[in-house]
């Protein structure tokens, strides 16, 4: 008791664990390989109908650099440049755009994996 004699009522404490499930943190990964040309940029992944929650890209080429761009044709000035056998992973902030690629040599391959929230 303090001051005027009123007491604070005790609140019941619930120690039952709460189940928390976030669909963003689960992934069913689809993988594929795209042949990437050196003359014209090509779209290799469409914008998802649901939200994409995982995206991995790897340049499987031995000599070609691969340039990756979002929502427009890739060029040698694109935001991402993957040197041979380089990988990039998006698993926290994941691009939702259509994705395009272009190589600087013939015979390039881009391995990729992605997941969308169901």
Protein backbone atom coordinates (compact mmCIF):
# COMPACT_ATOMS: atom_id res chain seq x y z
CA UNK A 1 0.00 0.00 0.00
CA UNK A 2 1.15 3.43 -0.81
CA UNK A 3 -0.28 6.88 -0.29
CA UNK A 4 -4.04 6.56 0.06
CA UNK A 5 -4.21 2.90 1.03
CA UNK A 6 -5.26 1.48 -2.35
CA UNK A 7 -3.43 -1.60 -3.54
CA UNK A 8 -2.56 -2.57 -7.12
CA UNK A 9 -4.40 -5.72 -8.17
CA UNK A 10 -2.14 -8.62 -9.17
CA UNK A 11 -2.43 -9.70 -12.79
CA UNK A 12 -2.30 -13.41 -13.60
CA UNK A 13 0.87 -14.41 -15.43
CA UNK A 14 0.42 -16.84 -18.31
CA UNK A 15 3.55 -18.95 -18.80
CA UNK A 16 2.12 -20.87 -21.77
CA UNK A 17 4.53 -20.55 -24.73
CA UNK A 18 3.03 -18.87 -27.77
CA UNK A 19 3.49 -20.58 -31.12
CA UNK A 20 4.95 -18.14 -33.64
CA UNK A 21 5.14 -19.16 -37.27
CA UNK A 22 6.35 -16.76 -39.92
CA UNK A 23 5.88 -18.08 -43.48
CA UNK A 24 8.75 -15.85 -44.64
CA UNK A 25 11.27 -18.08 -42.87
CA UNK A 26 10.34 -21.26 -44.71
CA UNK A 27 11.38 -22.04 -48.27
CA UNK A 28 10.59 -24.64 -50.91
CA UNK A 29 13.39 -23.87 -53.33
CA UNK A 30 13.01 -24.26 -57.08
CA UNK A 31 16.32 -24.46 -58.98
CA UNK A 32 17.14 -23.99 -62.65
CA UNK A 33 19.92 -23.10 -65.07
CA UNK A 34 19.60 -20.32 -67.63
CA UNK A 35 21.77 -20.01 -70.73
CA UNK A 36 22.83 -16.38 -70.85
CA UNK A 37 23.57 -14.78 -74.19
CA UNK A 38 26.15 -12.13 -74.92
CA UNK A 39 24.24 -10.30 -77.65
CA UNK A 40 20.87 -9.58 -76.03
CA UNK A 41 19.66 -9.41 -72.47
CA UNK A 42 16.99 -11.99 -71.58
CA UNK A 43 14.49 -12.31 -68.76
CA UNK A 44 15.10 -15.52 -66.82
CA UNK A 45 12.77 -15.04 -63.86
CA UNK A 46 9.30 -13.47 -63.77
CA UNK A 47 7.92 -11.34 -60.96
CA UNK A 48 6.16 -13.77 -58.58
CA UNK A 49 2.41 -13.77 -58.05
CA UNK A 50 3.10 -14.24 -54.32
CA UNK A 51 6.10 -12.81 -52.48
CA UNK A 52 9.53 -14.23 -53.21
CA UNK A 53 11.35 -14.99 -49.93
CA UNK A 54 14.62 -16.47 -51.23
CA UNK A 55 16.78 -15.88 -54.29
CA UNK A 56 20.25 -17.27 -55.03
CA UNK A 57 22.25 -16.60 -58.23
CA UNK A 58 25.55 -18.21 -59.26
CA UNK A 59 27.62 -17.67 -62.37
CA UNK A 60 28.44 -21.21 -63.52
CA UNK A 61 30.69 -19.96 -66.33
CA UNK A 62 34.45 -20.41 -66.38
CA UNK A 63 35.30 -17.18 -68.22
CA UNK A 64 32.18 -15.02 -68.73
CA UNK A 65 30.95 -12.28 -66.41
CA UNK A 66 27.17 -12.18 -66.02
CA UNK A 67 25.31 -8.91 -65.46
CA UNK A 68 21.96 -8.99 -63.66
CA UNK A 69 19.28 -6.29 -63.73
CA UNK A 70 15.81 -5.84 -62.27
CA UNK A 71 12.70 -4.85 -64.29
CA UNK A 72 14.71 -3.95 -67.42
CA UNK A 73 17.29 -5.37 -69.80
CA UNK A 74 20.69 -6.08 -68.31
CA UNK A 75 23.72 -4.23 -69.67
CA UNK A 76 27.41 -4.08 -68.76
CA UNK A 77 26.35 -1.18 -66.48
CA UNK A 78 23.82 -3.26 -64.51
CA UNK A 79 23.76 -3.19 -60.74
CA UNK A 80 25.03 -6.78 -60.28
CA UNK A 81 28.13 -8.24 -61.96
CA UNK A 82 28.84 -11.89 -61.22
CA UNK A 83 32.37 -13.00 -62.08
CA UNK A 84 32.92 -16.70 -62.87
CA UNK A 85 31.75 -18.99 -60.04
CA UNK A 86 30.52 -16.06 -57.93
CA UNK A 87 27.27 -16.38 -55.98
CA UNK A 88 24.87 -13.85 -54.47
CA UNK A 89 22.12 -14.70 -52.00
CA UNK A 90 19.03 -12.69 -51.10
CA UNK A 91 17.27 -14.14 -48.06
CA UNK A 92 16.33 -11.13 -45.96
CA UNK A 93 15.42 -8.39 -48.43
CA UNK A 94 14.48 -10.29 -51.58
CA UNK A 95 13.91 -8.61 -54.99
CA UNK A 96 10.38 -9.13 -56.30
CA UNK A 97 11.02 -7.86 -59.85
CA UNK A 98 11.34 -9.54 -63.22
CA UNK A 99 15.06 -10.40 -63.48
CA UNK A 100 17.22 -10.15 -66.63
CA UNK A 101 20.77 -11.31 -67.41
CA UNK A 102 23.47 -10.65 -70.02
CA UNK A 103 26.96 -12.16 -70.38
CA UNK A 104 30.13 -10.67 -71.82
CA UNK A 105 31.10 -13.95 -73.56
CA UNK A 106 29.25 -16.75 -75.34
CA UNK A 107 28.19 -19.93 -73.57
CA UNK A 108 27.50 -18.45 -70.13
CA UNK A 109 25.28 -20.24 -67.61
CA UNK A 110 23.46 -18.79 -64.63
CA UNK A 111 22.32 -21.24 -61.92
CA UNK A 112 19.54 -19.87 -59.75
CA UNK A 113 17.20 -20.91 -56.99
CA UNK A 114 14.15 -19.14 -55.60
CA UNK A 115 11.22 -19.63 -53.28
CA UNK A 116 7.89 -17.88 -52.90
CA UNK A 117 5.59 -17.71 -49.92
CA UNK A 118 2.61 -19.97 -50.50
